[in-house]
Amino acid sequence: MKKMLIGAALLALAPAIAAAADMSGAWKIDGAFDAMGINYTVTCKLAEGAGGALAGPCTGSQGEAIKATGKVSPDGKTVELAYDTTYNGGPVHLDYTGAVQPDGSLKGAVDAGAAQGTFTATRQ
């Protein structure tokens, strides 16, 4: 009886585990620093590796090549992503922290050090 209950519990959890298991693929990130009137889009092709590590090339809104790294939380509910780019000729480091939404998209905050904003990310 215990084996049947454990099996039933695992089957019930399987869709949630499968849905959150892999963040690999093409993503479109729409970011905004509303206080500064800045909106931008970045596209990334991420691969998830061992331990939830994320990495991949991205293309910035002005066509610049960006290398992103990050991680997926062990429970698959949050994602962190970071990369270095430039803005107005100066270097900028962006840190993203987002929650996985029921539809599989991401929504959260982006931190550029002196400025904070928001973002959404959707699979392409």
PDB file of N, CA and C in Angstrom:
ATOM      1  N   MET A   1       0.824  -1.188   0.000  1.00  0.00           N
ATOM      2  CA  MET A   1       0.000   0.000   0.000  1.00  0.00           C
ATOM      3  C   MET A   1       0.875   1.262   0.000  1.00  0.00           C
ATOM      4  N   LYS A   2       1.971   1.264   0.798  1.00  0.00           N
ATOM      5  CA  LYS A   2       2.856   2.423   0.835  1.00  0.00           C
ATOM      6  C   LYS A   2       3.461   2.687  -0.530  1.00  0.00           C
ATOM      7  N   LYS A   3       3.866   1.626  -1.229  1.00  0.00           N
ATOM      8  CA  LYS A   3       4.456   1.786  -2.555  1.00  0.00           C
ATOM      9  C   LYS A   3       3.459   2.413  -3.519  1.00  0.00           C
ATOM     10  N   MET A   4       2.199   2.014  -3.417  1.00  0.00           N
ATOM     11  CA  MET A   4       1.172   2.579  -4.303  1.00  0.00           C
ATOM     12  C   MET A   4       0.971   4.061  -4.008  1.00  0.00           C
ATOM     13  N   LEU A   5       0.982   4.439  -2.732  1.00  0.00           N
ATOM     14  CA  LEU A   5       0.805   5.844  -2.362  1.00  0.00           C
ATOM     15  C   LEU A   5       1.981   6.686  -2.815  1.00  0.00           C
ATOM     16  N   ILE A   6       3.184   6.170  -2.645  1.00  0.00           N
ATOM     17  CA  ILE A   6       4.372   6.892  -3.086  1.00  0.00           C
ATOM     18  C   ILE A   6       4.342   7.042  -4.605  1.00  0.00           C
ATOM     19  N   GLY A   7       4.000   5.964  -5.296  1.00  0.00           N
ATOM     20  CA  GLY A   7       3.902   6.016  -6.756  1.00  0.00           C
ATOM     21  C   GLY A   7       2.870   7.021  -7.211  1.00  0.00           C
ATOM     22  N   ALA A   8       1.723   7.045  -6.562  1.00  0.00           N
ATOM     23  CA  ALA A   8       0.671   7.995  -6.919  1.00  0.00           C
ATOM     24  C   ALA A   8       1.128   9.426  -6.666  1.00  0.00           C
ATOM     25  N   ALA A   9       1.851   9.639  -5.566  1.00  0.00           N
ATOM     26  CA  ALA A   9       2.355  10.981  -5.257  1.00  0.00           C
ATOM     27  C   ALA A   9       3.357  11.427  -6.308  1.00  0.00           C
ATOM     28  N   LEU A  10       4.243  10.540  -6.721  1.00  0.00           N
ATOM     29  CA  LEU A  10       5.229  10.885  -7.744  1.00  0.00           C
ATOM     30  C   LEU A  10       4.552  11.196  -9.075  1.00  0.00           C
ATOM     31  N   LEU A  11       3.539  10.434  -9.432  1.00  0.00           N
ATOM     32  CA  LEU A  11       2.806  10.698 -10.677  1.00  0.00           C
ATOM     33  C   LEU A  11       2.098  12.047 -10.611  1.00  0.00           C
ATOM     34  N   ALA A  12       1.573  12.390  -9.455  1.00  0.00           N
ATOM     35  CA  ALA A  12       0.892  13.675  -9.304  1.00  0.00           C
ATOM     36  C   ALA A  12       1.867  14.832  -9.447  1.00  0.00           C
ATOM     37  N   LEU A  13       3.105  14.647  -8.989  1.00  0.00           N
ATOM     38  CA  LEU A  13       4.106  15.700  -9.067  1.00  0.00           C
ATOM     39  C   LEU A  13       4.806  15.749 -10.420  1.00  0.00           C
ATOM     40  N   ALA A  14       4.745  14.701 -11.194  1.00  0.00           N
ATOM     41  CA  ALA A  14       5.494  14.609 -12.449  1.00  0.00           C
ATOM     42  C   ALA A  14       5.266  15.789 -13.388  1.00  0.00           C
ATOM     43  N   PRO A  15       4.024  16.252 -13.630  1.00  0.00           N
ATOM     44  CA  PRO A  15       3.862  17.397 -14.534  1.00  0.00           C
ATOM     45  C   PRO A  15       4.569  18.649 -14.040  1.00  0.00           C
ATOM     46  N   ALA A  16       4.523  18.924 -12.741  1.00  0.00           N
ATOM     47  CA  ALA A  16       5.190  20.112 -12.206  1.00  0.00           C
ATOM     48  C   ALA A  16       6.694  19.986 -12.314  1.00  0.00           C
ATOM     49  N   ILE A  17       7.214  18.792 -12.034  1.00  0.00           N
ATOM     50  CA  ILE A  17       8.649  18.585 -12.131  1.00  0.00           C
ATOM     51  C   ILE A  17       9.091  18.707 -13.580  1.00  0.00           C
ATOM     52  N   ALA A  18       8.348  18.093 -14.491  1.00  0.00           N
ATOM     53  CA  ALA A  18       8.714  18.144 -15.905  1.00  0.00           C
ATOM     54  C   ALA A  18       8.646  19.563 -16.442  1.00  0.00           C
ATOM     55  N   ALA A  19       7.647  20.331 -16.046  1.00  0.00           N
ATOM     56  CA  ALA A  19       7.486  21.694 -16.553  1.00  0.00           C
ATOM     57  C   ALA A  19       8.613  22.599 -16.082  1.00  0.00           C
ATOM     58  N   ALA A  20       9.113  22.361 -14.884  1.00  0.00           N
ATOM     59  CA  ALA A  20      10.143  23.224 -14.322  1.00  0.00           C
ATOM     60  C   ALA A  20      11.552  22.674 -14.540  1.00  0.00           C
ATOM     61  N   ALA A  21      11.653  21.536 -15.206  1.00  0.00           N
ATOM     62  CA  ALA A  21      12.920  20.826 -15.259  1.00  0.00           C
ATOM     63  C   ALA A  21      13.980  21.468 -16.143  1.00  0.00           C
ATOM     64  N   ASP A  22      13.607  22.144 -17.207  1.00  0.00           N
ATOM     65  CA  ASP A  22      14.622  22.606 -18.144  1.00  0.00           C
ATOM     66  C   ASP A  22      14.261  23.974 -18.718  1.00  0.00           C
ATOM     67  N   MET A  23      15.150  24.933 -18.513  1.00  0.00           N
ATOM     68  CA  MET A  23      14.913  26.285 -19.024  1.00  0.00           C
ATOM     69  C   MET A  23      15.681  26.526 -20.325  1.00  0.00           C
ATOM     70  N   SER A  24      16.212  25.446 -20.913  1.00  0.00           N
ATOM     71  CA  SER A  24      16.953  25.561 -22.169  1.00  0.00           C
ATOM     72  C   SER A  24      16.044  26.043 -23.281  1.00  0.00           C
ATOM     73  N   GLY A  25      16.623  26.804 -24.208  1.00  0.00           N
ATOM     74  CA  GLY A  25      15.882  27.234 -25.379  1.00  0.00           C
ATOM     75  C   GLY A  25      16.048  28.712 -25.658  1.00  0.00           C
ATOM     76  N   ALA A  26      15.312  29.162 -26.646  1.00  0.00           N
ATOM     77  CA  ALA A  26      15.344  30.571 -27.055  1.00  0.00           C
ATOM     78  C   ALA A  26      14.385  31.381 -26.182  1.00  0.00           C
ATOM     79  N   TRP A  27      14.863  32.523 -25.699  1.00  0.00           N
ATOM     80  CA  TRP A  27      14.084  33.394 -24.822  1.00  0.00           C
ATOM     81  C   TRP A  27      14.149  34.839 -25.324  1.00  0.00           C
ATOM     82  N   LYS A  28      13.056  35.538 -25.157  1.00  0.00           N
ATOM     83  CA  LYS A  28      12.996  36.980 -25.419  1.00  0.00           C
ATOM     84  C   LYS A  28      12.778  37.657 -24.069  1.00  0.00           C
ATOM     85  N   ILE A  29      13.713  38.541 -23.714  1.00  0.00           N
ATOM     86  CA  ILE A  29      13.632  39.274 -22.450  1.00  0.00           C
ATOM     87  C   ILE A  29      13.254  40.721 -22.758  1.00  0.00           C
ATOM     88  N   ASP A  30      12.164  41.177 -22.184  1.00  0.00           N
ATOM     89  CA  ASP A  30      11.745  42.575 -22.292  1.00  0.00           C
ATOM     90  C   ASP A  30      11.982  43.229 -20.950  1.00  0.00           C
ATOM     91  N   GLY A  31      12.898  44.195 -20.914  1.00  0.00           N
ATOM     92  CA  GLY A  31      13.249  44.868 -19.674  1.00  0.00           C
ATOM     93  C   GLY A  31      12.838  46.328 -19.689  1.00  0.00           C
ATOM     94  N   ALA A  32      12.673  46.877 -18.488  1.00  0.00           N
ATOM     95  CA  ALA A  32      12.290  48.287 -18.370  1.00  0.00           C
ATOM     96  C   ALA A  32      12.876  48.897 -17.104  1.00  0.00           C
ATOM     97  N   PHE A  33      13.448  50.064 -17.278  1.00  0.00           N
ATOM     98  CA  PHE A  33      13.845  50.915 -16.161  1.00  0.00           C
ATOM     99  C   PHE A  33      12.930  52.132 -16.269  1.00  0.00           C
ATOM    100  N   ASP A  34      11.704  51.989 -15.733  1.00  0.00           N
ATOM    101  CA  ASP A  34      10.665  53.000 -15.901  1.00  0.00           C
ATOM    102  C   ASP A  34      11.073  54.374 -15.408  1.00  0.00           C
ATOM    103  N   ALA A  35      11.781  54.449 -14.284  1.00  0.00           N
ATOM    104  CA  ALA A  35      12.182  55.746 -13.728  1.00  0.00           C
ATOM    105  C   ALA A  35      13.090  56.512 -14.683  1.00  0.00           C
ATOM    106  N   MET A  36      13.772  55.788 -15.571  1.00  0.00           N
ATOM    107  CA  MET A  36      14.687  56.412 -16.525  1.00  0.00           C
ATOM    108  C   MET A  36      14.104  56.446 -17.937  1.00  0.00           C
ATOM    109  N   GLY A  37      12.916  55.871 -18.107  1.00  0.00           N
ATOM    110  CA  GLY A  37      12.295  55.834 -19.430  1.00  0.00           C
ATOM    111  C   GLY A  37      13.003  54.889 -20.400  1.00  0.00           C
ATOM    112  N   ILE A  38      13.630  53.841 -19.889  1.00  0.00           N
ATOM    113  CA  ILE A  38      14.379  52.914 -20.734  1.00  0.00           C
ATOM    114  C   ILE A  38      13.622  51.594 -20.862  1.00  0.00           C
ATOM    115  N   ASN A  39      13.383  51.180 -22.097  1.00  0.00           N
ATOM    116  CA  ASN A  39      12.811  49.877 -22.416  1.00  0.00           C
ATOM    117  C   ASN A  39      13.743  49.204 -23.404  1.00  0.00           C
ATOM    118  N   TYR A  40      13.936  47.905 -23.279  1.00  0.00           N
ATOM    119  CA  TYR A  40      14.849  47.201 -24.171  1.00  0.00           C
ATOM    120  C   TYR A  40      14.426  45.749 -24.318  1.00  0.00           C
ATOM    121  N   THR A  41      14.972  45.100 -25.342  1.00  0.00           N
ATOM    122  CA  THR A  41      14.720  43.687 -25.593  1.00  0.00           C
ATOM    123  C   THR A  41      16.049  42.983 -25.848  1.00  0.00           C
ATOM    124  N   VAL A  42      16.207  41.826 -25.251  1.00  0.00           N
ATOM    125  CA  VAL A  42      17.377  40.973 -25.441  1.00  0.00           C
ATOM    126  C   VAL A  42      16.857  39.588 -25.794  1.00  0.00           C
ATOM    127  N   THR A  43      17.489  38.935 -26.753  1.00  0.00           N
ATOM    128  CA  THR A  43      17.130  37.558 -27.068  1.00  0.00           C
ATOM    129  C   THR A  43      18.297  36.655 -26.691  1.00  0.00           C
ATOM    130  N   CYS A  44      17.978  35.504 -26.107  1.00  0.00           N
ATOM    131  CA  CYS A  44      19.005  34.582 -25.632  1.00  0.00           C
ATOM    132  C   CYS A  44      18.687  33.157 -26.068  1.00  0.00           C
ATOM    133  N   LYS A  45      19.732  32.399 -26.243  1.00  0.00           N
ATOM    134  CA  LYS A  45      19.602  30.959 -26.465  1.00  0.00           C
ATOM    135  C   LYS A  45      20.330  30.294 -25.310  1.00  0.00           C
ATOM    136  N   LEU A  46      19.553  29.889 -24.303  1.00  0.00           N
ATOM    137  CA  LEU A  46      20.130  29.362 -23.071  1.00  0.00           C
ATOM    138  C   LEU A  46      20.163  27.840 -23.068  1.00  0.00           C
ATOM    139  N   ALA A  47      21.162  27.304 -22.416  1.00  0.00           N
ATOM    140  CA  ALA A  47      21.272  25.868 -22.190  1.00  0.00           C
ATOM    141  C   ALA A  47      21.405  25.643 -20.696  1.00  0.00           C
ATOM    142  N   GLU A  48      20.606  24.726 -20.169  1.00  0.00           N
ATOM    143  CA  GLU A  48      20.690  24.396 -18.755  1.00  0.00           C
ATOM    144  C   GLU A  48      21.579  23.180 -18.585  1.00  0.00           C
ATOM    145  N   GLY A  49      22.539  23.302 -17.687  1.00  0.00           N
ATOM    146  CA  GLY A  49      23.478  22.216 -17.442  1.00  0.00           C
ATOM    147  C   GLY A  49      23.296  21.612 -16.067  1.00  0.00           C
ATOM    148  N   ALA A  50      24.307  20.923 -15.621  1.00  0.00           N
ATOM    149  CA  ALA A  50      24.289  20.254 -14.334  1.00  0.00           C
ATOM    150  C   ALA A  50      24.037  21.243 -13.202  1.00  0.00           C
ATOM    151  N   GLY A  51      23.232  20.819 -12.249  1.00  0.00           N
ATOM    152  CA  GLY A  51      22.955  21.646 -11.079  1.00  0.00           C
ATOM    153  C   GLY A  51      22.139  22.882 -11.374  1.00  0.00           C
ATOM    154  N   GLY A  52      21.478  22.935 -12.530  1.00  0.00           N
ATOM    155  CA  GLY A  52      20.654  24.082 -12.877  1.00  0.00           C
ATOM    156  C   GLY A  52      21.420  25.262 -13.442  1.00  0.00           C
ATOM    157  N   ALA A  53      22.696  25.068 -13.758  1.00  0.00           N
ATOM    158  CA  ALA A  53      23.496  26.160 -14.328  1.00  0.00           C
ATOM    159  C   ALA A  53      22.940  26.549 -15.697  1.00  0.00           C
ATOM    160  N   LEU A  54      22.864  27.839 -15.957  1.00  0.00           N
ATOM    161  CA  LEU A  54      22.407  28.360 -17.247  1.00  0.00           C
ATOM    162  C   LEU A  54      23.544  29.115 -17.915  1.00  0.00           C
ATOM    163  N   ALA A  55      23.623  29.010 -19.215  1.00  0.00           N
ATOM    164  CA  ALA A  55      24.610  29.787 -19.968  1.00  0.00           C
ATOM    165  C   ALA A  55      24.159  29.852 -21.413  1.00  0.00           C
ATOM    166  N   GLY A  56      24.562  30.912 -22.070  1.00  0.00           N
ATOM    167  CA  GLY A  56      24.264  30.995 -23.480  1.00  0.00           C
ATOM    168  C   GLY A  56      24.501  32.362 -24.056  1.00  0.00           C
ATOM    169  N   PRO A  57      24.530  32.388 -25.364  1.00  0.00           N
ATOM    170  CA  PRO A  57      24.708  33.667 -26.042  1.00  0.00           C
ATOM    171  C   PRO A  57      23.392  34.435 -26.114  1.00  0.00           C
ATOM    172  N   CYS A  58      23.515  35.745 -26.045  1.00  0.00           N
ATOM    173  CA  CYS A  58      22.364  36.632 -26.187  1.00  0.00           C
ATOM    174  C   CYS A  58      22.720  37.713 -27.203  1.00  0.00           C
ATOM    175  N   THR A  59      21.706  38.343 -27.725  1.00  0.00           N
ATOM    176  CA  THR A  59      21.881  39.484 -28.616  1.00  0.00           C
ATOM    177  C   THR A  59      21.117  40.654 -28.022  1.00  0.00           C
ATOM    178  N   GLY A  60      21.827  41.745 -27.805  1.00  0.00           N
ATOM    179  CA  GLY A  60      21.212  42.927 -27.228  1.00  0.00           C
ATOM    180  C   GLY A  60      20.337  43.672 -28.215  1.00  0.00           C
ATOM    181  N   SER A  61      19.641  44.674 -27.729  1.00  0.00           N
ATOM    182  CA  SER A  61      18.697  45.429 -28.556  1.00  0.00           C
ATOM    183  C   SER A  61      19.365  46.197 -29.685  1.00  0.00           C
ATOM    184  N   GLN A  62      20.689  46.375 -29.608  1.00  0.00           N
ATOM    185  CA  GLN A  62      21.396  47.058 -30.696  1.00  0.00           C
ATOM    186  C   GLN A  62      22.299  46.094 -31.452  1.00  0.00           C
ATOM    187  N   GLY A  63      22.008  44.772 -31.321  1.00  0.00           N
ATOM    188  CA  GLY A  63      22.736  43.759 -32.061  1.00  0.00           C
ATOM    189  C   GLY A  63      24.031  43.301 -31.425  1.00  0.00           C
ATOM    190  N   GLU A  64      24.357  43.811 -30.248  1.00  0.00           N
ATOM    191  CA  GLU A  64      25.606  43.437 -29.591  1.00  0.00           C
ATOM    192  C   GLU A  64      25.543  42.000 -29.051  1.00  0.00           C
ATOM    193  N   ALA A  65      26.673  41.321 -29.125  1.00  0.00           N
ATOM    194  CA  ALA A  65      26.789  39.956 -28.613  1.00  0.00           C
ATOM    195  C   ALA A  65      27.023  40.005 -27.105  1.00  0.00           C
ATOM    196  N   ILE A  66      26.288  39.184 -26.382  1.00  0.00           N
ATOM    197  CA  ILE A  66      26.340  39.151 -24.923  1.00  0.00           C
ATOM    198  C   ILE A  66      26.447  37.693 -24.490  1.00  0.00           C
ATOM    199  N   LYS A  67      27.224  37.431 -23.460  1.00  0.00           N
ATOM    200  CA  LYS A  67      27.312  36.085 -22.898  1.00  0.00           C
ATOM    201  C   LYS A  67      26.648  36.100 -21.525  1.00  0.00           C
ATOM    202  N   ALA A  68      25.562  35.347 -21.390  1.00  0.00           N
ATOM    203  CA  ALA A  68      24.814  35.303 -20.138  1.00  0.00           C
ATOM    204  C   ALA A  68      25.120  34.036 -19.366  1.00  0.00           C
ATOM    205  N   THR A  69      25.105  34.149 -18.049  1.00  0.00           N
ATOM    206  CA  THR A  69      25.234  32.995 -17.165  1.00  0.00           C
ATOM    207  C   THR A  69      24.200  33.127 -16.059  1.00  0.00           C
ATOM    208  N   GLY A  70      23.869  32.015 -15.442  1.00  0.00           N
ATOM    209  CA  GLY A  70      22.897  32.064 -14.363  1.00  0.00           C
ATOM    210  C   GLY A  70      22.625  30.700 -13.797  1.00  0.00           C
ATOM    211  N   LYS A  71      21.466  30.587 -13.137  1.00  0.00           N
ATOM    212  CA  LYS A  71      21.085  29.311 -12.549  1.00  0.00           C
ATOM    213  C   LYS A  71      19.580  29.261 -12.320  1.00  0.00           C
ATOM    214  N   VAL A  72      19.106  28.034 -12.286  1.00  0.00           N
ATOM    215  CA  VAL A  72      17.716  27.745 -11.942  1.00  0.00           C
ATOM    216  C   VAL A  72      17.730  27.212 -10.518  1.00  0.00           C
ATOM    217  N   SER A  73      16.812  27.666  -9.681  1.00  0.00           N
ATOM    218  CA  SER A  73      16.769  27.183  -8.297  1.00  0.00           C
ATOM    219  C   SER A  73      16.477  25.680  -8.289  1.00  0.00           C
ATOM    220  N   PRO A  74      16.889  24.990  -7.238  1.00  0.00           N
ATOM    221  CA  PRO A  74      16.651  23.539  -7.168  1.00  0.00           C
ATOM    222  C   PRO A  74      15.181  23.146  -7.308  1.00  0.00           C
ATOM    223  N   ASP A  75      14.277  24.007  -6.844  1.00  0.00           N
ATOM    224  CA  ASP A  75      12.854  23.679  -6.967  1.00  0.00           C
ATOM    225  C   ASP A  75      12.270  24.112  -8.313  1.00  0.00           C
ATOM    226  N   GLY A  76      13.089  24.770  -9.158  1.00  0.00           N
ATOM    227  CA  GLY A  76      12.633  25.172 -10.482  1.00  0.00           C
ATOM    228  C   GLY A  76      11.683  26.352 -10.498  1.00  0.00           C
ATOM    229  N   LYS A  77      11.550  27.058  -9.387  1.00  0.00           N
ATOM    230  CA  LYS A  77      10.582  28.157  -9.304  1.00  0.00           C
ATOM    231  C   LYS A  77      11.175  29.526  -9.604  1.00  0.00           C
ATOM    232  N   THR A  78      12.493  29.662  -9.500  1.00  0.00           N
ATOM    233  CA  THR A  78      13.126  30.953  -9.776  1.00  0.00           C
ATOM    234  C   THR A  78      14.343  30.763 -10.676  1.00  0.00           C
ATOM    235  N   VAL A  79      14.656  31.831 -11.394  1.00  0.00           N
ATOM    236  CA  VAL A  79      15.784  31.831 -12.313  1.00  0.00           C
ATOM    237  C   VAL A  79      16.593  33.102 -12.069  1.00  0.00           C
ATOM    238  N   GLU A  80      17.912  32.957 -12.061  1.00  0.00           N
ATOM    239  CA  GLU A  80      18.814  34.100 -11.997  1.00  0.00           C
ATOM    240  C   GLU A  80      19.638  34.102 -13.277  1.00  0.00           C
ATOM    241  N   LEU A  81      19.847  35.282 -13.824  1.00  0.00           N
ATOM    242  CA  LEU A  81      20.617  35.428 -15.047  1.00  0.00           C
ATOM    243  C   LEU A  81      21.409  36.722 -14.942  1.00  0.00           C
ATOM    244  N   ALA A  82      22.614  36.750 -15.485  1.00  0.00           N
ATOM    245  CA  ALA A  82      23.442  37.958 -15.432  1.00  0.00           C
ATOM    246  C   ALA A  82      24.295  38.058 -16.679  1.00  0.00           C
ATOM    247  N   TYR A  83      24.618  39.300 -17.049  1.00  0.00           N
ATOM    248  CA  TYR A  83      25.552  39.530 -18.152  1.00  0.00           C
ATOM    249  C   TYR A  83      26.085  40.949 -18.082  1.00  0.00           C
ATOM    250  N   ASP A  84      27.168  41.162 -18.817  1.00  0.00           N
ATOM    251  CA  ASP A  84      27.771  42.489 -18.936  1.00  0.00           C
ATOM    252  C   ASP A  84      27.468  43.029 -20.323  1.00  0.00           C
ATOM    253  N   THR A  85      27.178  44.317 -20.392  1.00  0.00           N
ATOM    254  CA  THR A  85      26.907  44.981 -21.664  1.00  0.00           C
ATOM    255  C   THR A  85      27.369  46.432 -21.543  1.00  0.00           C
ATOM    256  N   THR A  86      26.983  47.247 -22.487  1.00  0.00           N
ATOM    257  CA  THR A  86      27.299  48.672 -22.411  1.00  0.00           C
ATOM    258  C   THR A  86      26.020  49.487 -22.577  1.00  0.00           C
ATOM    259  N   TYR A  87      26.035  50.669 -21.996  1.00  0.00           N
ATOM    260  CA  TYR A  87      24.932  51.621 -22.154  1.00  0.00           C
ATOM    261  C   TYR A  87      25.551  53.011 -22.239  1.00  0.00           C
ATOM    262  N   ASN A  88      25.220  53.731 -23.287  1.00  0.00           N
ATOM    263  CA  ASN A  88      25.800  55.053 -23.538  1.00  0.00           C
ATOM    264  C   ASN A  88      27.326  55.014 -23.480  1.00  0.00           C
ATOM    265  N   GLY A  89      27.897  53.945 -24.011  1.00  0.00           N
ATOM    266  CA  GLY A  89      29.348  53.822 -24.079  1.00  0.00           C
ATOM    267  C   GLY A  89      30.032  53.334 -22.819  1.00  0.00           C
ATOM    268  N   GLY A  90      29.290  53.137 -21.741  1.00  0.00           N
ATOM    269  CA  GLY A  90      29.885  52.683 -20.490  1.00  0.00           C
ATOM    270  C   GLY A  90      29.474  51.269 -20.142  1.00  0.00           C
ATOM    271  N   PRO A  91      30.302  50.559 -19.378  1.00  0.00           N
ATOM    272  CA  PRO A  91      29.977  49.184 -19.005  1.00  0.00           C
ATOM    273  C   PRO A  91      28.832  49.116 -17.994  1.00  0.00           C
ATOM    274  N   VAL A  92      27.991  48.114 -18.159  1.00  0.00           N
ATOM    275  CA  VAL A  92      26.860  47.886 -17.249  1.00  0.00           C
ATOM    276  C   VAL A  92      26.755  46.390 -16.984  1.00  0.00           C
ATOM    277  N   HIS A  93      26.588  46.027 -15.732  1.00  0.00           N
ATOM    278  CA  HIS A  93      26.337  44.635 -15.353  1.00  0.00           C
ATOM    279  C   HIS A  93      24.868  44.532 -14.941  1.00  0.00           C
ATOM    280  N   LEU A  94      24.149  43.594 -15.548  1.00  0.00           N
ATOM    281  CA  LEU A  94      22.729  43.405 -15.244  1.00  0.00           C
ATOM    282  C   LEU A  94      22.527  42.059 -14.560  1.00  0.00           C
ATOM    283  N   ASP A  95      21.791  42.079 -13.453  1.00  0.00           N
ATOM    284  CA  ASP A  95      21.406  40.869 -12.718  1.00  0.00           C
ATOM    285  C   ASP A  95      19.888  40.748 -12.753  1.00  0.00           C
ATOM    286  N   TYR A  96      19.413  39.619 -13.248  1.00  0.00           N
ATOM    287  CA  TYR A  96      17.978  39.334 -13.322  1.00  0.00           C
ATOM    288  C   TYR A  96      17.624  38.269 -12.295  1.00  0.00           C
ATOM    289  N   THR A  97      16.512  38.471 -11.597  1.00  0.00           N
ATOM    290  CA  THR A  97      15.955  37.456 -10.707  1.00  0.00           C
ATOM    291  C   THR A  97      14.468  37.380 -11.008  1.00  0.00           C
ATOM    292  N   GLY A  98      14.026  36.204 -11.474  1.00  0.00           N
ATOM    293  CA  GLY A  98      12.633  36.086 -11.873  1.00  0.00           C
ATOM    294  C   GLY A  98      11.974  34.825 -11.379  1.00  0.00           C
ATOM    295  N   ALA A  99      10.670  34.899 -11.251  1.00  0.00           N
ATOM    296  CA  ALA A  99       9.858  33.754 -10.846  1.00  0.00           C
ATOM    297  C   ALA A  99       9.233  33.133 -12.088  1.00  0.00           C
ATOM    298  N   VAL A 100       9.228  31.807 -12.120  1.00  0.00           N
ATOM    299  CA  VAL A 100       8.580  31.093 -13.211  1.00  0.00           C
ATOM    300  C   VAL A 100       7.069  31.230 -13.024  1.00  0.00           C
ATOM    301  N   GLN A 101       6.397  31.698 -14.060  1.00  0.00           N
ATOM    302  CA  GLN A 101       4.960  31.906 -14.026  1.00  0.00           C
ATOM    303  C   GLN A 101       4.227  30.620 -14.441  1.00  0.00           C
ATOM    304  N   PRO A 102       2.932  30.521 -14.149  1.00  0.00           N
ATOM    305  CA  PRO A 102       2.185  29.312 -14.513  1.00  0.00           C
ATOM    306  C   PRO A 102       2.259  28.962 -16.002  1.00  0.00           C
ATOM    307  N   ASP A 103       2.406  29.971 -16.862  1.00  0.00           N
ATOM    308  CA  ASP A 103       2.489  29.706 -18.308  1.00  0.00           C
ATOM    309  C   ASP A 103       3.916  29.395 -18.769  1.00  0.00           C
ATOM    310  N   GLY A 104       4.875  29.325 -17.824  1.00  0.00           N
ATOM    311  CA  GLY A 104       6.261  29.020 -18.161  1.00  0.00           C
ATOM    312  C   GLY A 104       7.125  30.235 -18.433  1.00  0.00           C
ATOM    313  N   SER A 105       6.541  31.419 -18.502  1.00  0.00           N
ATOM    314  CA  SER A 105       7.321  32.634 -18.698  1.00  0.00           C
ATOM    315  C   SER A 105       7.998  33.023 -17.379  1.00  0.00           C
ATOM    316  N   LEU A 106       8.812  34.060 -17.427  1.00  0.00           N
ATOM    317  CA  LEU A 106       9.486  34.574 -16.238  1.00  0.00           C
ATOM    318  C   LEU A 106       9.074  36.018 -16.013  1.00  0.00           C
ATOM    319  N   LYS A 107       9.021  36.405 -14.760  1.00  0.00           N
ATOM    320  CA  LYS A 107       8.701  37.785 -14.418  1.00  0.00           C
ATOM    321  C   LYS A 107       9.484  38.128 -13.161  1.00  0.00           C
ATOM    322  N   GLY A 108      10.134  39.325 -13.182  1.00  0.00           N
ATOM    323  CA  GLY A 108      10.894  39.675 -11.998  1.00  0.00           C
ATOM    324  C   GLY A 108      11.584  41.011 -12.078  1.00  0.00           C
ATOM    325  N   ALA A 109      12.718  41.097 -11.368  1.00  0.00           N
ATOM    326  CA  ALA A 109      13.454  42.351 -11.222  1.00  0.00           C
ATOM    327  C   ALA A 109      14.795  42.258 -11.924  1.00  0.00           C
ATOM    328  N   VAL A 110      15.241  43.405 -12.432  1.00  0.00           N
ATOM    329  CA  VAL A 110      16.569  43.519 -13.022  1.00  0.00           C
ATOM    330  C   VAL A 110      17.304  44.622 -12.264  1.00  0.00           C
ATOM    331  N   ASP A 111      18.550  44.324 -11.887  1.00  0.00           N
ATOM    332  CA  ASP A 111      19.351  45.251 -11.089  1.00  0.00           C
ATOM    333  C   ASP A 111      20.600  45.626 -11.881  1.00  0.00           C
ATOM    334  N   ALA A 112      20.771  46.928 -12.099  1.00  0.00           N
ATOM    335  CA  ALA A 112      21.949  47.432 -12.811  1.00  0.00           C
ATOM    336  C   ALA A 112      22.862  48.191 -11.855  1.00  0.00           C
ATOM    337  N   GLY A 113      22.753  47.916 -10.574  1.00  0.00           N
ATOM    338  CA  GLY A 113      23.575  48.610  -9.593  1.00  0.00           C
ATOM    339  C   GLY A 113      22.930  49.912  -9.164  1.00  0.00           C
ATOM    340  N   ALA A 114      23.118  50.962  -9.954  1.00  0.00           N
ATOM    341  CA  ALA A 114      22.553  52.269  -9.620  1.00  0.00           C
ATOM    342  C   ALA A 114      21.078  52.382 -10.009  1.00  0.00           C
ATOM    343  N   ALA A 115      20.578  51.450 -10.796  1.00  0.00           N
ATOM    344  CA  ALA A 115      19.182  51.497 -11.237  1.00  0.00           C
ATOM    345  C   ALA A 115      18.558  50.110 -11.142  1.00  0.00           C
ATOM    346  N   GLN A 116      17.278  50.085 -10.773  1.00  0.00           N
ATOM    347  CA  GLN A 116      16.534  48.842 -10.701  1.00  0.00           C
ATOM    348  C   GLN A 116      15.318  48.937 -11.619  1.00  0.00           C
ATOM    349  N   GLY A 117      14.988  47.791 -12.226  1.00  0.00           N
ATOM    350  CA  GLY A 117      13.858  47.755 -13.129  1.00  0.00           C
ATOM    351  C   GLY A 117      13.124  46.432 -13.038  1.00  0.00           C
ATOM    352  N   THR A 118      12.329  46.171 -14.047  1.00  0.00           N
ATOM    353  CA  THR A 118      11.542  44.944 -14.115  1.00  0.00           C
ATOM    354  C   THR A 118      11.761  44.279 -15.458  1.00  0.00           C
ATOM    355  N   PHE A 119      11.425  42.986 -15.545  1.00  0.00           N
ATOM    356  CA  PHE A 119      11.510  42.283 -16.808  1.00  0.00           C
ATOM    357  C   PHE A 119      10.492  41.175 -16.890  1.00  0.00           C
ATOM    358  N   THR A 120      10.209  40.795 -18.112  1.00  0.00           N
ATOM    359  CA  THR A 120       9.464  39.572 -18.401  1.00  0.00           C
ATOM    360  C   THR A 120      10.270  38.831 -19.470  1.00  0.00           C
ATOM    361  N   ALA A 121      10.192  37.520 -19.457  1.00  0.00           N
ATOM    362  CA  ALA A 121      10.889  36.711 -20.445  1.00  0.00           C
ATOM    363  C   ALA A 121       9.931  35.619 -20.927  1.00  0.00           C
ATOM    364  N   THR A 122       9.891  35.431 -22.232  1.00  0.00           N
ATOM    365  CA  THR A 122       9.033  34.408 -22.821  1.00  0.00           C
ATOM    366  C   THR A 122       9.842  33.543 -23.764  1.00  0.00           C
ATOM    367  N   ARG A 123       9.476  32.268 -23.817  1.00  0.00           N
ATOM    368  CA  ARG A 123      10.119  31.356 -24.768  1.00  0.00           C
ATOM    369  C   ARG A 123       9.722  31.738 -26.179  1.00  0.00           C
ATOM    370  N   GLN A 124      10.678  31.563 -27.074  1.00  0.00           N
ATOM    371  CA  GLN A 124      10.435  31.888 -28.493  1.00  0.00           C
ATOM    372  C   GLN A 124      10.332  30.634 -29.312  1.00  0.00           C
TER     373      GLN A 124
END
